[in-house]
Protein backbone atom coordinates (compact mmCIF):
# COMPACT_ATOMS: atom_id res chain seq x y z
CA MET A 1 -4.84 -2.92 -9.09
CA LYS A 2 -5.02 0.75 -8.17
CA VAL A 3 -7.16 2.97 -5.98
CA ARG A 4 -10.20 4.12 -7.97
CA TRP A 5 -11.49 6.69 -5.53
CA ARG A 6 -11.20 9.57 -8.00
CA GLN A 7 -12.83 7.65 -10.88
CA GLN A 8 -15.68 6.46 -8.66
CA GLU A 9 -16.21 10.01 -7.44
CA ILE A 10 -16.50 11.29 -11.01
CA ILE A 11 -19.20 8.70 -11.76
CA PHE A 12 -20.95 9.60 -8.50
CA VAL A 13 -20.92 13.34 -9.24
CA THR A 14 -22.25 12.71 -12.77
CA VAL A 15 -25.13 10.59 -11.49
CA VAL A 16 -25.97 13.14 -8.80
CA ALA A 17 -25.88 15.96 -11.38
CA CYS A 18 -28.39 14.09 -13.55
CA PHE A 19 -30.77 13.54 -10.63
CA LEU A 20 -30.50 17.17 -9.52
CA PHE A 21 -31.15 18.30 -13.09
CA LEU A 22 -34.33 16.20 -13.24
CA TYR A 23 -35.39 17.37 -9.79
CA PHE A 24 -34.85 21.01 -10.74
CA PHE A 25 -36.99 20.74 -13.86
CA ASN A 26 -39.63 18.73 -12.05
CA ILE A 27 -40.03 21.57 -9.56
CA ASN A 28 -39.54 24.66 -11.73
CA ILE A 29 -40.87 23.85 -15.18
CA ALA A 30 -44.30 23.23 -13.68
CA VAL A 31 -44.57 26.97 -13.11
CA SER A 32 -45.76 28.37 -16.42
CA ARG A 33 -45.19 31.84 -17.73
CA GLU A 34 -48.95 32.57 -17.54
CA GLU A 35 -49.02 31.64 -13.85
CA MET A 36 -46.04 33.86 -13.17
CA ALA A 37 -47.69 36.73 -15.04
CA GLU A 38 -50.84 36.35 -12.96
CA ARG A 39 -48.85 36.27 -9.72
CA VAL A 40 -46.83 39.43 -10.37
CA GLY A 41 -49.76 41.47 -11.60
CA ALA A 42 -49.86 44.32 -14.01
CA GLY A 43 -46.78 46.37 -14.69
CA TYR A 44 -44.30 43.47 -14.43
CA ASN A 45 -45.56 41.21 -17.21
CA ASN A 46 -42.55 41.78 -19.42
CA LEU A 47 -40.14 40.89 -16.64
CA ALA A 48 -42.14 38.05 -15.18
CA THR A 49 -42.79 36.27 -18.47
CA ARG A 50 -39.06 36.07 -19.14
CA TYR A 51 -38.97 33.19 -16.67
CA TYR A 52 -36.37 31.12 -18.52
CA TYR A 53 -34.08 34.06 -19.26
CA TYR A 54 -34.04 35.49 -15.73
CA TYR A 55 -34.53 32.37 -13.61
CA ILE A 56 -34.12 28.96 -15.31
CA PHE A 57 -30.93 29.62 -17.26
CA PRO A 58 -29.21 31.58 -14.43
CA LYS A 59 -29.90 28.57 -12.19
CA LEU A 60 -28.62 25.98 -14.66
CA ILE A 61 -25.53 27.68 -16.13
CA PRO A 62 -23.57 27.91 -12.83
CA ALA A 63 -24.35 24.24 -12.13
CA PHE A 64 -23.11 23.18 -15.57
CA ALA A 65 -20.01 25.36 -15.19
CA LEU A 66 -19.26 23.88 -11.76
CA TYR A 67 -19.59 20.34 -13.15
CA ALA A 68 -17.38 21.14 -16.17
CA PHE A 69 -14.64 22.63 -14.00
CA TYR A 70 -14.92 19.67 -11.63
CA LEU A 71 -14.19 17.33 -14.53
CA LEU A 72 -11.32 19.55 -15.66
CA LEU A 73 -9.74 19.41 -12.19
CA ASN A 74 -10.07 15.66 -11.71
CA LEU A 75 -9.31 14.52 -15.25
CA TYR A 76 -6.49 16.90 -16.09
CA VAL A 77 -5.25 19.36 -13.45
CA ILE A 78 -4.79 16.95 -10.51
CA PRO A 79 -3.60 13.75 -12.27
CA VAL A 80 -1.53 15.41 -15.01
CA LEU A 81 -0.30 18.77 -13.73
CA ILE A 82 -0.01 18.16 -9.98
CA LEU A 83 0.57 14.44 -9.31
CA LYS A 84 3.10 14.04 -12.11
CA ARG A 85 4.86 17.24 -10.95
CA ARG A 86 5.19 18.55 -14.47
CA PHE A 87 3.63 22.01 -14.38
CA PHE A 88 2.81 22.91 -10.79
CA ILE A 89 2.78 26.66 -11.52
CA LEU A 90 0.46 26.05 -14.48
CA ALA A 91 -1.83 24.05 -12.18
CA VAL A 92 -1.99 26.96 -9.71
CA ILE A 93 -2.74 29.40 -12.54
CA THR A 94 -5.46 27.04 -13.83
CA GLY A 95 -7.00 26.84 -10.36
CA ILE A 96 -7.08 30.64 -10.04
CA PHE A 97 -8.60 30.91 -13.53
CA ILE A 98 -11.30 28.39 -12.61
CA TRP A 99 -12.18 30.31 -9.45
CA LEU A 100 -12.35 33.67 -11.21
CA THR A 101 -14.45 32.22 -14.01
CA LEU A 102 -16.85 30.64 -11.54
CA LEU A 103 -17.00 33.92 -9.65
CA GLY A 104 -18.00 35.78 -12.82
CA ILE A 105 -20.60 33.19 -13.85
CA TYR A 106 -22.15 33.04 -10.38
CA ALA A 107 -22.19 36.87 -10.07
CA VAL A 108 -24.02 37.35 -13.39
CA SER A 109 -26.44 34.50 -12.61
CA TYR A 110 -27.33 35.74 -9.14
CA TYR A 111 -27.69 39.27 -10.52
CA ARG A 112 -30.34 38.10 -13.01
CA ILE A 113 -32.08 35.94 -10.41
CA ASN A 114 -32.23 38.90 -8.02
CA ILE A 115 -33.73 41.08 -10.74
CA TYR A 116 -36.41 38.48 -11.34
CA THR A 117 -37.05 37.71 -7.67
CA LEU A 118 -37.19 41.33 -6.52
CA LEU A 119 -39.04 42.42 -9.70
CA GLN A 120 -36.94 45.52 -10.08
CA HIS A 121 -34.55 46.86 -12.67
CA SER A 122 -30.80 46.60 -12.35
CA GLY A 123 -28.83 48.89 -10.10
CA VAL A 124 -25.42 49.31 -8.46
CA PRO A 125 -26.49 47.97 -5.03
CA LEU A 126 -27.94 44.87 -6.68
CA ARG A 127 -24.70 44.25 -8.59
CA ARG A 128 -22.64 44.68 -5.43
CA ILE A 129 -24.87 42.31 -3.46
CA SER A 130 -24.68 39.68 -6.22
CA LEU A 131 -20.88 39.97 -6.41
CA GLN A 132 -20.44 39.69 -2.64
CA TYR A 133 -22.72 36.68 -2.43
CA SER A 134 -20.97 34.99 -5.39
CA PHE A 135 -17.56 35.69 -3.86
CA SER A 136 -18.62 33.98 -0.63
CA ILE A 137 -20.18 30.98 -2.36
CA THR A 138 -17.38 30.31 -4.85
CA GLY A 139 -14.70 30.95 -2.22
CA MET A 140 -16.33 28.40 0.08
CA ILE A 141 -16.63 25.87 -2.75
CA VAL A 142 -12.99 26.26 -3.80
CA ILE A 143 -11.61 26.09 -0.25
CA CYS A 144 -13.73 23.15 0.89
CA TYR A 145 -13.12 21.10 -2.23
CA GLY A 146 -9.42 21.99 -2.20
CA ILE A 147 -9.07 20.66 1.35
CA TYR A 148 -11.07 17.53 0.47
CA ALA A 149 -9.06 16.86 -2.71
CA TYR A 150 -5.77 17.33 -0.84
CA ILE A 151 -6.79 14.84 1.88
CA ARG A 152 -8.07 12.42 -0.78
CA GLU A 153 -4.81 12.45 -2.73
CA LEU A 154 -2.77 12.00 0.46
CA LEU A 155 -4.86 8.94 1.38
CA ILE A 156 -4.60 7.51 -2.14
CA LYS A 157 -0.84 7.94 -2.05
CA SER A 158 -0.58 6.29 1.36
CA ILE A 159 -2.85 3.38 0.38
CA SER A 160 -0.96 2.79 -2.88
CA LYS A 161 2.45 2.37 -1.22
CA GLU A 162 4.20 -0.91 -1.95
CA ASN A 163 4.30 -2.22 1.58
CA GLY A 164 2.31 -4.73 3.56
CA ASN A 165 -0.74 -6.24 1.93
CA ARG A 166 -1.26 -3.56 -0.71
CA LEU A 167 -3.71 -5.47 -2.93
CA PHE A 168 -6.06 -6.22 -0.05
CA ARG A 169 -5.80 -2.63 1.17
CA VAL A 170 -6.60 -1.20 -2.27
CA MET A 171 -9.53 -3.59 -2.76
CA LEU A 172 -10.98 -2.64 0.64
CA VAL A 173 -10.72 1.09 -0.06
CA ASN A 174 -12.29 0.68 -3.51
CA ASN A 175 -15.21 -1.25 -2.02
CA VAL A 176 -15.68 1.28 0.79
CA THR A 177 -15.65 4.32 -1.52
CA ALA A 178 -17.91 2.64 -4.10
CA THR A 179 -20.43 1.66 -1.41
CA ALA A 180 -20.31 5.15 0.13
CA PHE A 181 -20.98 6.82 -3.22
CA VAL A 182 -23.83 4.42 -4.03
CA TYR A 183 -25.36 5.01 -0.60
CA ILE A 184 -25.19 8.81 -0.93
CA SER A 185 -26.59 8.58 -4.47
CA GLY A 186 -29.62 6.80 -3.04
CA PHE A 187 -30.75 10.02 -1.36
CA PHE A 188 -31.36 11.72 -4.68
CA PRO A 189 -33.93 9.29 -6.18
CA LEU A 190 -35.72 9.42 -2.83
CA LEU A 191 -35.59 13.21 -3.01
CA ASN A 192 -36.75 13.27 -6.62
CA PHE A 193 -39.79 11.11 -5.84
CA GLY A 194 -40.54 12.94 -2.62
CA LEU A 195 -39.94 9.90 -0.39
CA LEU A 196 -37.59 11.75 1.97
CA ARG A 197 -40.51 13.91 3.05
CA ASN A 198 -41.87 10.80 4.69
CA ASP A 199 -40.28 10.30 8.10
CA GLY A 200 -40.46 6.54 7.78
CA TRP A 201 -38.31 6.39 4.64
CA ALA A 202 -35.80 8.92 5.97
CA ILE A 203 -35.43 7.12 9.31
CA PHE A 204 -35.07 3.75 7.62
CA TYR A 205 -32.45 4.94 5.13
CA VAL A 206 -30.31 6.82 7.67
CA PHE A 207 -30.72 4.86 10.91
CA PHE A 208 -31.09 1.31 9.54
CA VAL A 209 -29.46 0.95 6.11
CA LEU A 210 -26.22 2.78 6.99
CA PRO A 211 -25.49 0.77 10.20
CA ALA A 212 -26.24 -2.46 8.31
CA ILE A 213 -23.65 -1.51 5.66
CA ILE A 214 -21.07 -0.71 8.36
CA ILE A 215 -21.69 -4.07 10.07
CA CYS A 216 -21.24 -5.93 6.79
CA PHE A 217 -17.87 -4.29 6.18
CA ILE A 218 -16.64 -4.94 9.73
CA ASN A 219 -17.63 -8.61 9.58
CA ILE A 220 -16.47 -9.30 6.01
CA TYR A 221 -13.06 -7.64 6.23
CA ARG A 222 -12.25 -7.91 9.92
CA VAL A 223 -14.10 -10.44 12.07
CA PHE A 224 -14.55 -13.39 9.71
CA PRO A 225 -11.05 -13.28 8.12
CA ARG A 226 -9.39 -13.17 11.54
CA GLN A 227 -11.50 -16.09 12.71
CA GLN A 228 -10.57 -18.16 9.66
CA LYS A 229 -6.89 -17.25 9.77
CA ASN A 230 -6.17 -17.48 13.50
CA ALA A 231 -8.78 -20.08 14.49
CA VAL A 232 -10.39 -17.72 17.01
CA PRO A 233 -12.61 -19.57 19.53
CA LEU A 234 -16.35 -19.45 18.91
CA LYS A 235 -17.07 -17.55 22.14
CA LYS A 236 -14.69 -14.78 21.19
CA VAL A 237 -16.18 -14.56 17.68
CA ILE A 238 -19.68 -14.24 19.14
CA ARG A 239 -18.48 -11.41 21.40
CA GLN A 240 -16.95 -9.64 18.41
CA LEU A 241 -20.17 -10.05 16.41
CA LEU A 242 -22.16 -8.51 19.26
CA ILE A 243 -19.97 -5.50 20.08
CA ALA A 244 -20.38 -3.50 16.86
CA PRO A 245 -24.20 -3.93 16.59
CA ILE A 246 -24.68 -2.89 20.22
CA VAL A 247 -22.46 0.18 19.83
CA LEU A 248 -24.15 1.24 16.58
CA SER A 249 -27.62 0.74 18.09
CA LEU A 250 -26.75 2.98 21.04
CA LEU A 251 -25.28 5.65 18.75
CA ALA A 252 -28.38 5.54 16.52
CA TRP A 253 -30.64 5.95 19.56
CA ILE A 254 -28.61 8.94 20.81
CA LEU A 255 -28.61 10.64 17.40
CA PHE A 256 -32.30 9.95 16.86
CA SER A 257 -33.08 11.43 20.27
CA PHE A 258 -31.25 14.62 19.31
CA VAL A 259 -33.05 14.85 15.96
CA ARG A 260 -36.54 14.15 17.28
CA GLU A 261 -35.92 15.67 20.73
CA GLU A 262 -37.51 12.66 22.36
CA PRO A 263 -36.12 9.30 23.48
CA SER A 264 -37.13 6.35 21.32
CA PRO A 265 -35.76 3.03 22.64
CA GLU A 266 -37.79 1.19 19.99
CA ILE A 267 -35.36 2.48 17.37
CA SER A 268 -32.40 1.02 19.24
CA PHE A 269 -33.99 -2.40 19.81
CA SER A 270 -35.30 -2.61 16.25
CA LEU A 271 -31.90 -1.69 14.82
CA LEU A 272 -30.13 -4.21 17.06
CA ALA A 273 -32.48 -6.95 15.89
CA ILE A 274 -31.94 -6.06 12.23
CA LEU A 275 -28.15 -5.94 12.63
CA LEU A 276 -27.99 -9.28 14.42
CA LEU A 277 -30.69 -11.21 12.55
CA ILE A 278 -30.33 -9.79 9.04
CA ALA A 279 -27.06 -7.87 8.56
CA THR A 280 -24.81 -10.43 10.30
CA PRO A 281 -26.06 -13.50 8.35
CA LEU A 282 -25.97 -11.43 5.15
CA SER A 283 -22.37 -10.41 5.83
CA TRP A 284 -21.43 -14.06 6.36
CA LEU A 285 -23.03 -14.99 3.03
CA LEU A 286 -21.17 -12.17 1.26
CA TYR A 287 -17.93 -13.24 2.92
CA VAL A 288 -18.37 -16.85 1.79
CA LEU A 289 -19.08 -15.71 -1.78
CA GLN A 290 -15.84 -13.71 -2.00
CA LYS A 291 -13.74 -15.81 0.35
CA GLU A 292 -11.83 -17.46 -2.48
CA ARG A 293 -11.18 -14.12 -4.13
CA LEU A 294 -9.85 -12.66 -0.88
CA SER A 295 -7.62 -15.68 -0.35
CA GLU A 296 -6.30 -15.51 -3.93
CA MET A 297 -5.58 -11.82 -3.52
CA LEU A 298 -3.68 -12.40 -0.28
CA ASN A 299 -1.63 -15.18 -1.90
CA LEU A 300 -1.03 -13.04 -5.00
CA GLN A 301 0.23 -10.19 -2.83
CA LYS A 302 2.50 -12.65 -1.05
CA ASP A 303 3.88 -14.03 -4.33
CA LEU A 304 4.37 -10.56 -5.83
CA GLY A 305 6.08 -9.35 -2.69
CA LYS A 306 8.32 -12.40 -2.61
CA THR A 307 9.25 -11.97 -6.28
CA ALA A 308 10.05 -8.28 -5.87
CA ALA A 309 11.98 -8.94 -2.68
CA ASP A 310 13.94 -11.79 -4.25
CA LEU A 311 14.81 -9.69 -7.29
CA GLN A 312 15.94 -6.79 -5.13
CA PHE A 313 17.87 -9.22 -2.95
CA LEU A 314 19.72 -10.72 -5.92
CA ARG A 315 20.64 -7.25 -7.12
CA SER A 316 22.24 -6.51 -3.77
CA GLN A 317 23.57 -10.02 -3.28
CA ILE A 318 25.53 -10.44 -6.52
CA ASN A 319 27.52 -7.26 -6.38
CA PRO A 320 30.98 -6.53 -7.77
CA HIS A 321 32.36 -5.68 -4.34
CA PHE A 322 31.93 -9.19 -2.98
CA LEU A 323 32.94 -10.93 -6.24
CA PHE A 324 36.11 -8.87 -6.51
CA ASN A 325 37.03 -9.67 -2.89
CA ALA A 326 36.45 -13.38 -3.51
CA LEU A 327 38.46 -13.40 -6.74
CA ASN A 328 41.28 -11.41 -5.16
CA THR A 329 41.35 -13.89 -2.29
CA ILE A 330 41.58 -16.82 -4.71
CA TYR A 331 44.25 -15.04 -6.76
CA GLY A 332 46.34 -14.23 -3.68
CA THR A 333 46.03 -17.77 -2.42
CA ALA A 334 47.10 -19.13 -5.79
CA LEU A 335 50.27 -17.03 -5.68
CA GLN A 336 51.15 -18.27 -2.22
CA GLU A 337 50.56 -21.96 -2.81
CA ASN A 338 49.54 -23.78 -5.91
CA ALA A 339 47.52 -26.50 -4.23
CA ASP A 340 44.63 -27.39 -1.95
CA ARG A 341 43.59 -24.00 -0.61
CA THR A 342 43.07 -22.58 -4.07
CA ALA A 343 40.99 -25.54 -5.14
CA GLU A 344 38.97 -25.32 -1.92
CA ALA A 345 38.26 -21.63 -2.44
CA VAL A 346 37.18 -22.18 -6.05
CA GLN A 347 34.97 -25.07 -5.03
CA LYS A 348 33.24 -23.05 -2.30
CA LEU A 349 32.65 -20.17 -4.65
CA GLY A 350 31.23 -22.55 -7.24
CA ASP A 351 28.93 -24.15 -4.67
CA MET A 352 27.64 -20.73 -3.68
CA MET A 353 26.94 -19.72 -7.26
CA ARG A 354 25.20 -23.03 -7.91
CA PHE A 355 23.05 -22.55 -4.81
CA MET A 356 22.03 -19.06 -5.93
CA LEU A 357 21.08 -20.30 -9.40
CA GLU A 358 19.28 -23.51 -8.40
CA GLU A 359 18.11 -23.65 -4.78
CA ASN A 360 17.11 -19.99 -4.69
CA GLN A 361 14.33 -20.76 -7.19
CA GLN A 362 12.51 -22.93 -4.64
CA ASP A 363 9.93 -21.63 -2.19
CA LYS A 364 11.53 -23.57 0.67
CA ILE A 365 14.66 -25.65 1.08
CA PRO A 366 16.01 -27.88 3.86
CA LEU A 367 17.72 -25.96 6.63
CA SER A 368 20.88 -27.97 6.05
CA LYS A 369 21.32 -26.48 2.55
CA GLU A 370 20.96 -22.95 3.89
CA ILE A 371 23.59 -23.72 6.54
CA THR A 372 25.93 -25.13 3.86
CA TYR A 373 25.63 -21.88 1.94
CA LEU A 374 26.38 -19.88 5.10
CA THR A 375 29.37 -22.08 5.84
CA ASN A 376 30.86 -21.60 2.36
CA TYR A 377 30.40 -17.84 2.60
CA ILE A 378 32.00 -17.67 6.06
CA GLU A 379 34.96 -19.85 4.99
CA LEU A 380 35.63 -17.63 1.99
CA GLN A 381 35.57 -14.58 4.22
CA LYS A 382 37.99 -16.28 6.63
CA LEU A 383 40.43 -16.80 3.76
CA ARG A 384 40.29 -13.07 3.05
CA THR A 385 40.78 -12.03 6.68
CA GLN A 386 43.19 -14.67 8.02
CA ILE A 387 46.18 -12.41 7.42
CA SER A 388 44.96 -10.21 10.28
CA PRO A 389 45.49 -11.87 13.69
CA GLY A 390 43.09 -9.50 15.48
CA ILE A 391 39.99 -10.94 13.76
CA ASP A 392 37.90 -13.58 15.52
CA ILE A 393 35.17 -15.31 13.49
CA SER A 394 33.12 -18.16 14.95
CA PHE A 395 30.15 -20.06 13.55
CA THR A 396 28.24 -22.55 15.70
CA SER A 397 25.46 -24.75 14.34
CA LYS A 398 23.37 -27.03 16.55
CA THR A 399 20.79 -28.31 14.09
CA GLU A 400 21.57 -32.01 13.84
CA GLN A 401 18.16 -33.03 15.16
CA CYS A 402 16.19 -30.45 13.15
CA HIS A 403 14.34 -31.15 9.93
CA HIS A 404 12.87 -27.72 9.24
CA GLU A 405 12.54 -26.08 5.85
CA ILE A 406 12.93 -22.33 5.34
CA ALA A 407 12.91 -19.83 2.50
CA PRO A 408 16.27 -19.81 0.67
CA MET A 409 18.83 -17.07 1.34
CA LEU A 410 16.85 -15.78 4.28
CA LEU A 411 19.73 -15.75 6.79
CA ILE A 412 22.64 -14.64 4.60
CA PRO A 413 21.79 -10.88 4.70
CA PHE A 414 22.46 -10.81 8.45
CA VAL A 415 25.81 -12.55 7.98
CA GLU A 416 26.80 -10.25 5.13
CA ASN A 417 25.85 -7.26 7.21
CA ALA A 418 28.10 -8.53 10.00
CA PHE A 419 31.11 -8.90 7.69
CA LYS A 420 30.47 -5.54 6.08
CA HIS A 421 30.34 -3.56 9.31
CA GLY A 422 32.11 -5.88 11.76
CA ILE A 423 35.51 -6.52 10.12
CA SER A 424 38.44 -4.15 10.08
CA LEU A 425 41.87 -5.31 8.93
CA GLN A 426 43.52 -2.68 11.15
CA GLU A 427 41.48 -3.04 14.38
CA LYS A 428 40.43 -5.87 16.64
CA SER A 429 37.20 -7.35 15.29
CA TRP A 430 34.88 -10.22 16.01
CA ILE A 431 31.86 -11.97 14.54
CA ARG A 432 29.93 -14.66 16.39
CA ILE A 433 27.18 -16.55 14.54
CA ASN A 434 24.98 -19.14 16.24
CA ILE A 435 22.13 -21.15 14.80
CA SER A 436 20.05 -23.71 16.66
CA CYS A 437 16.54 -25.11 16.67
CA ASP A 438 14.05 -27.32 18.40
CA THR A 439 11.01 -29.17 17.11
CA GLU A 440 9.02 -25.95 16.62
CA GLN A 441 11.34 -22.99 16.18
CA LEU A 442 14.61 -21.89 14.63
CA TYR A 443 16.96 -19.53 16.52
CA PHE A 444 19.57 -17.42 14.75
CA ASP A 445 22.00 -14.98 16.42
CA VAL A 446 24.61 -12.70 14.87
CA TYR A 447 26.86 -10.62 17.11
CA ASN A 448 29.62 -8.47 15.68
CA SER A 449 31.85 -5.48 16.33
CA VAL A 450 31.20 -2.18 14.52
CA HIS A 451 33.81 0.05 12.91
CA SER A 452 33.35 3.45 11.36
CA ARG A 453 34.25 3.63 7.67
CA LYS A 454 36.54 6.12 6.04
CA GLU A 455 35.13 8.79 3.78
CA THR A 456 37.01 7.28 0.83
CA ASP A 457 35.40 3.86 1.30
CA PRO A 458 33.01 3.25 -1.65
CA GLU A 459 30.78 1.15 0.62
CA LYS A 460 30.31 3.88 3.22
CA ASN A 461 27.02 5.21 1.86
CA ARG A 462 25.67 1.93 0.49
CA SER A 463 22.77 0.17 2.17
CA GLY A 464 24.04 -2.86 0.20
CA ILE A 465 23.22 -5.93 2.20
CA GLY A 466 19.49 -5.38 2.33
CA LEU A 467 18.24 -5.71 5.91
CA GLU A 468 15.08 -3.81 4.96
CA ASN A 469 14.54 -6.29 2.16
CA VAL A 470 14.86 -9.30 4.45
CA LYS A 471 12.44 -7.69 6.92
CA GLN A 472 9.93 -7.44 4.08
CA ARG A 473 10.49 -11.07 3.14
CA LEU A 474 9.99 -12.15 6.74
CA SER A 475 6.73 -10.24 7.02
CA LEU A 476 5.46 -11.78 3.78
CA LEU A 477 6.67 -15.35 4.27
CA TYR A 478 6.30 -15.70 8.05
CA PRO A 479 3.53 -13.31 9.16
CA GLN A 480 3.16 -13.52 12.96
CA GLN A 481 5.52 -16.50 12.86
CA HIS A 482 8.79 -14.70 13.46
CA GLU A 483 10.41 -12.32 15.89
CA LEU A 484 13.34 -10.10 14.93
CA GLN A 485 15.27 -8.19 17.59
CA ILE A 486 18.04 -5.75 16.64
CA ARG A 487 20.19 -3.94 19.17
CA SER A 488 23.16 -1.76 18.36
CA THR A 489 25.66 0.61 19.95
CA ALA A 490 28.56 2.59 18.56
CA THR A 491 30.82 -0.50 18.82
CA GLU A 492 28.51 -3.55 18.78
CA TYR A 493 25.65 -4.92 16.72
CA PHE A 494 23.39 -7.80 17.73
CA ILE A 495 20.59 -9.59 15.85
CA HIS A 496 18.33 -12.28 17.25
CA LEU A 497 15.86 -13.98 14.91
CA THR A 498 13.28 -16.57 15.86
CA ILE A 499 11.27 -18.31 13.15
CA LYS A 500 8.49 -20.84 13.40
CA PRO A 501 8.87 -22.65 10.04
């Protein structure tokens, strides 16, 4: 799913252009050439009867040109030349060409319209006035739309980022923009049929329909989902359902008072009644109808995020650096003694590989299996570092009474990070790992020394272990059910993780 703001806007502009075209002809074609000839009187018949040439076509051609260049910008220049960063200079040149072309079209059109309106022949002052006016109009159009398009593309880029609940965010933005364009489009049929000239229709559409739409979005995508997810008490939900209608009713009353220059409390009370008695029940019905879809989308985002995170994790987990260290350790041990230690190291490595291939495919595994994997990894690292007496590695597990299940390979990134940055074969180093739990929560602590790496170390500039990846997995798998604290200094690094499985 992707943000369809630009595509929806193109459809909106096309629909609006059609309505404006119909409205223009409905107003102007009714004026016949004979009527115009009678109005201008003798001496101007030749000019006045050329109504289409001097008035209709000069009005329509700039509008068609503006629409054509709008399509060119949004279908080609922005998505192909700018966003894909292929031909930025060509995009700038195209933008300048579009502005100059519009300037020429508008100048010629306004020049002909001025001739017809003023009923005089062409002249230098008239050309200069038309050019100045066209320069102002086209300059304002280009600048305003340029700013809008820039903000739009920044928002689309931000919304489309692969973080958090992207699918839900994209769906919400698509629904908001589609509803906004449909709402704005509704003004034009009302304008075409003359309904906006009636105060009742205008007041209803602006001061009643728009707040009702806002209330529906707030309830559907904010209030009701939070109540379902977090089991919010009924009293608190009622307060939340009352706040937005009251605020919108007061704002509508203030704005209406400014427009009509007279206070009208009936508007506020009527709007509040509509928002509470009609918009709120309607929003609940709409929420129920798409509740399953919202839930499926949230679960799909969770599964996609977990898959991507797991894939990225495996890429960082199974890396040549660790495998070479493990194999070198086994090889060195085999040279020293051809017996138990070598077999033990091979067995631990085999258990780890088997865990990664089998258990890592499950959504959740018993905590004991995760601890076994951590133990095998730590024991292999101890074999590698036992030749250095200044290294202290301790692992304490107090989980005998716990029966929790957690996502596989969720804790190992913190341990790997500790061995990567906390061990130096030349300096005094320490790593202390503690894991414990109670009936509700799991507690995991990793405390290690920190040593600066040499410039020649190939691991110096590698992010490698993937702490950012595990943070993403935690946010996806345990939303609001975990707490991660990280503190670091130049010589120490401490991680405390609490999970409510």
